[in-house]
Amino acid sequence: MRTAVLISGGGSNMVALVDSMTGHHPATPALVLSNRPEAGGLARAAERGVPTAVVDHRDFAGREKFEDEIHARLTEARADLVCLAGFMRILTPRFVARWQGRMLNIHPSLLPLYPGLDTHARALASGDSHHGCTVHEVTSELDQGPILGQARLAVRAEDTPETLASRVLRLEHRLYPAVLARFAAGDRTPVEIEGD
């Protein structure tokens, strides 16, 4: 399955995904695309021999034209799957419908808890005993798609939003590649990972 990864920043989850797609893996990296030309992940993808593209959202008057250009680049790359990995643009239902059932996202909470932003601070403010991350299929409702995997860890008394974010990110780098491998092989059974 030819896999495109959409990023907006440093691309640490993209690196975890690309580095996992070796040997007999059912997916292969086809494209890394960013909406920000300065995104550090573009150089990291190029170092790994993955084609890159930039579709800067600031160059387009409306979201539909921006998304049409992304769709064109994905089509050019013959992408079968799309993985959102820190892509900081909310996609319209029109775009999502084009890739329905073929687009994954990773979110830094145990969905359905804490869709949206500031998940680590919200988990701490709620006094949660556990926190983690979720990979889900993308649907037109933000962070509401079918869950394909979750990784959990125990919240420590000394955790801050920053320490929790760092610990969860390490789990993301384990969970997303595991889900991609299973999903690309046609298996939607959720992956469960326990962290520390």
Protein backbone atom coordinates (compact mmCIF):
# COMPACT_ATOMS: atom_id res chain seq x y z
CA MET A 1 0.00 0.00 0.00
CA ARG A 2 1.57 3.26 -1.13
CA THR A 3 1.41 5.56 1.89
CA ALA A 4 1.53 9.35 2.01
CA VAL A 5 2.25 11.14 5.28
CA LEU A 6 1.00 14.69 5.90
CA ILE A 7 2.97 16.84 8.36
CA SER A 8 3.24 20.43 9.55
CA GLY A 9 6.34 20.34 11.74
CA GLY A 10 9.36 18.27 12.70
CA GLY A 11 7.80 15.00 11.62
CA SER A 12 8.82 12.67 14.44
CA ASN A 13 5.79 10.43 13.87
CA MET A 14 6.43 10.53 10.13
CA VAL A 15 10.00 9.33 10.78
CA ALA A 16 8.69 6.48 12.95
CA LEU A 17 6.28 5.48 10.17
CA VAL A 18 8.79 5.73 7.31
CA ASP A 19 11.50 3.90 9.25
CA SER A 20 9.06 1.07 9.99
CA MET A 21 8.15 0.49 6.32
CA THR A 22 10.98 -1.89 5.45
CA GLY A 23 11.35 -5.55 4.53
CA HIS A 24 8.05 -7.39 4.15
CA HIS A 25 5.97 -4.49 5.47
CA PRO A 26 2.60 -4.21 3.67
CA ALA A 27 3.10 -0.46 3.14
CA THR A 28 5.73 1.64 1.41
CA PRO A 29 6.35 5.41 1.75
CA ALA A 30 5.17 7.24 -1.38
CA LEU A 31 5.17 10.91 -0.33
CA VAL A 32 5.65 13.27 2.59
CA LEU A 33 3.63 16.44 2.14
CA SER A 34 3.60 19.54 4.34
CA ASN A 35 1.46 22.65 4.41
CA ARG A 36 4.49 24.56 5.74
CA PRO A 37 7.61 24.94 3.56
CA GLU A 38 9.76 25.42 6.69
CA ALA A 39 8.64 22.12 8.27
CA GLY A 40 11.70 20.27 9.53
CA GLY A 41 10.17 16.93 8.63
CA LEU A 42 10.63 17.62 4.90
CA ALA A 43 14.42 17.37 5.20
CA ARG A 44 14.11 14.26 7.38
CA ALA A 45 11.94 12.61 4.72
CA ALA A 46 14.33 13.60 1.92
CA GLU A 47 17.25 12.10 3.90
CA ARG A 48 15.32 8.83 3.84
CA GLY A 49 14.79 9.00 0.08
CA VAL A 50 11.05 9.74 0.31
CA PRO A 51 9.62 12.20 -2.24
CA THR A 52 8.39 15.43 -0.64
CA ALA A 53 5.94 18.17 -1.57
CA VAL A 54 4.73 21.46 -0.12
CA VAL A 55 1.20 22.78 -0.48
CA ASP A 56 1.27 26.01 1.52
CA HIS A 57 -2.21 26.80 2.79
CA ARG A 58 -1.31 30.51 2.79
CA ASP A 59 -1.13 30.43 -1.03
CA PHE A 60 -4.83 29.62 -1.41
CA ALA A 61 -7.86 31.85 -0.98
CA GLY A 62 -10.06 29.02 0.28
CA ARG A 63 -9.82 25.61 1.90
CA GLU A 64 -11.32 23.79 -1.08
CA LYS A 65 -8.61 24.96 -3.50
CA PHE A 66 -5.93 24.11 -0.91
CA GLU A 67 -7.37 20.64 -0.44
CA ASP A 68 -7.82 20.11 -4.18
CA GLU A 69 -4.08 20.69 -4.58
CA ILE A 70 -3.29 18.22 -1.80
CA HIS A 71 -5.60 15.68 -3.44
CA ALA A 72 -3.83 16.23 -6.77
CA ARG A 73 -0.42 15.61 -5.18
CA LEU A 74 -1.67 12.47 -3.44
CA THR A 75 -3.13 11.22 -6.71
CA GLU A 76 0.14 11.97 -8.56
CA ALA A 77 1.99 9.92 -5.92
CA ARG A 78 -0.53 7.07 -6.44
CA ALA A 79 -1.20 7.01 -2.71
CA ASP A 80 -3.39 4.21 -1.38
CA LEU A 81 -3.32 5.40 2.24
CA VAL A 82 -2.86 8.77 3.95
CA CYS A 83 -1.42 9.12 7.45
CA LEU A 84 -1.87 12.45 9.22
CA ALA A 85 1.13 12.96 11.50
CA GLY A 86 1.02 16.36 13.14
CA PHE A 87 -0.78 17.91 10.18
CA MET A 88 -2.22 21.02 11.78
CA ARG A 89 -5.08 21.76 9.40
CA ILE A 90 -8.66 20.64 9.90
CA LEU A 91 -9.81 18.91 6.73
CA THR A 92 -13.25 19.53 5.24
CA PRO A 93 -15.86 16.75 4.95
CA ARG A 94 -15.46 17.03 1.16
CA PHE A 95 -11.77 16.11 1.34
CA VAL A 96 -12.32 13.44 3.97
CA ALA A 97 -14.99 11.79 1.81
CA ARG A 98 -12.43 11.37 -1.00
CA TRP A 99 -10.16 9.36 1.32
CA GLN A 100 -12.78 7.75 3.56
CA GLY A 101 -11.54 4.44 4.91
CA ARG A 102 -8.00 5.18 3.68
CA MET A 103 -6.90 7.99 6.03
CA LEU A 104 -5.51 7.60 9.54
CA ASN A 105 -4.67 10.10 12.28
CA ILE A 106 -2.88 9.93 15.61
CA HIS A 107 -4.24 11.92 18.54
CA PRO A 108 -2.54 12.49 21.92
CA SER A 109 -5.33 11.27 24.20
CA LEU A 110 -7.33 8.15 24.92
CA LEU A 111 -10.25 8.99 22.71
CA PRO A 112 -13.12 9.61 23.14
CA LEU A 113 -11.54 11.64 25.96
CA TYR A 114 -10.16 15.05 25.00
CA PRO A 115 -10.64 15.58 21.28
CA GLY A 116 -8.98 18.75 20.02
CA LEU A 117 -6.06 20.56 21.64
CA ASP A 118 -4.30 20.77 25.04
CA THR A 119 -4.94 17.11 25.78
CA HIS A 120 -2.14 16.63 28.32
CA ALA A 121 -3.13 19.63 30.45
CA ARG A 122 -6.77 18.53 30.29
CA ALA A 123 -5.91 15.00 31.45
CA LEU A 124 -3.93 16.38 34.39
CA ALA A 125 -6.63 18.89 35.29
CA SER A 126 -9.17 16.05 35.38
CA GLY A 127 -6.97 13.98 37.68
CA ASP A 128 -6.86 11.04 35.26
CA SER A 129 -4.91 7.98 36.42
CA HIS A 130 -4.02 7.03 32.82
CA HIS A 131 -3.35 8.92 29.61
CA GLY A 132 -2.05 8.02 26.18
CA CYS A 133 -2.68 8.23 22.46
CA THR A 134 -5.08 6.90 19.85
CA VAL A 135 -4.86 6.08 16.15
CA HIS A 136 -8.20 6.34 14.40
CA GLU A 137 -9.71 6.46 10.96
CA VAL A 138 -10.42 10.03 9.87
CA THR A 139 -14.07 10.94 9.47
CA SER A 140 -15.79 14.27 8.98
CA GLU A 141 -16.20 14.65 12.75
CA LEU A 142 -12.99 15.81 14.47
CA ASP A 143 -11.24 12.96 16.34
CA GLN A 144 -14.39 10.78 16.22
CA GLY A 145 -13.48 8.06 13.71
CA PRO A 146 -13.27 4.32 14.45
CA ILE A 147 -10.42 3.57 16.85
CA LEU A 148 -7.65 1.39 15.40
CA GLY A 149 -5.28 1.41 18.36
CA GLN A 150 -4.49 2.93 21.73
CA ALA A 151 -1.36 3.13 23.89
CA ARG A 152 -1.76 3.88 27.60
CA LEU A 153 0.53 4.88 30.43
CA ALA A 154 0.01 5.67 34.11
CA VAL A 155 0.04 9.36 34.99
CA ARG A 156 2.74 10.13 37.58
CA ALA A 157 2.20 12.50 40.50
CA GLU A 158 5.05 14.70 39.29
CA ASP A 159 3.87 14.88 35.67
CA THR A 160 3.44 18.26 34.01
CA PRO A 161 1.83 18.81 30.60
CA GLU A 162 5.35 18.88 29.14
CA THR A 163 6.60 15.65 30.76
CA LEU A 164 3.36 13.89 29.91
CA ALA A 165 3.60 15.08 26.29
CA SER A 166 7.15 13.72 26.04
CA ARG A 167 6.18 10.34 27.49
CA VAL A 168 3.10 10.04 25.27
CA LEU A 169 5.11 10.98 22.17
CA ARG A 170 7.37 7.97 22.74
CA LEU A 171 4.24 5.82 22.81
CA GLU A 172 2.98 7.44 19.60
CA HIS A 173 6.19 6.35 17.87
CA ARG A 174 5.41 2.73 18.83
CA LEU A 175 1.65 2.76 18.25
CA TYR A 176 1.35 4.44 14.84
CA PRO A 177 3.73 2.07 13.00
CA ALA A 178 2.03 -0.95 14.61
CA VAL A 179 -1.41 0.24 13.51
CA LEU A 180 -0.22 1.10 9.99
CA ALA A 181 1.28 -2.36 9.50
CA ARG A 182 -1.95 -4.04 10.61
CA PHE A 183 -4.23 -1.66 8.69
CA ALA A 184 -2.21 -1.89 5.45
CA ALA A 185 -2.51 -5.67 5.65
CA GLY A 186 -6.31 -5.33 5.76
CA ASP A 187 -6.74 -5.93 9.50
CA ARG A 188 -8.71 -3.32 11.45
CA THR A 189 -8.43 -5.12 14.80
CA PRO A 190 -7.37 -2.44 17.34
CA VAL A 191 -3.77 -2.48 18.56
CA GLU A 192 -3.30 -2.14 22.34
CA ILE A 193 0.02 -1.04 23.87
CA GLU A 194 0.93 -0.45 27.53
CA GLY A 195 3.70 2.03 28.26
CA ASP A 196 5.53 3.31 31.34
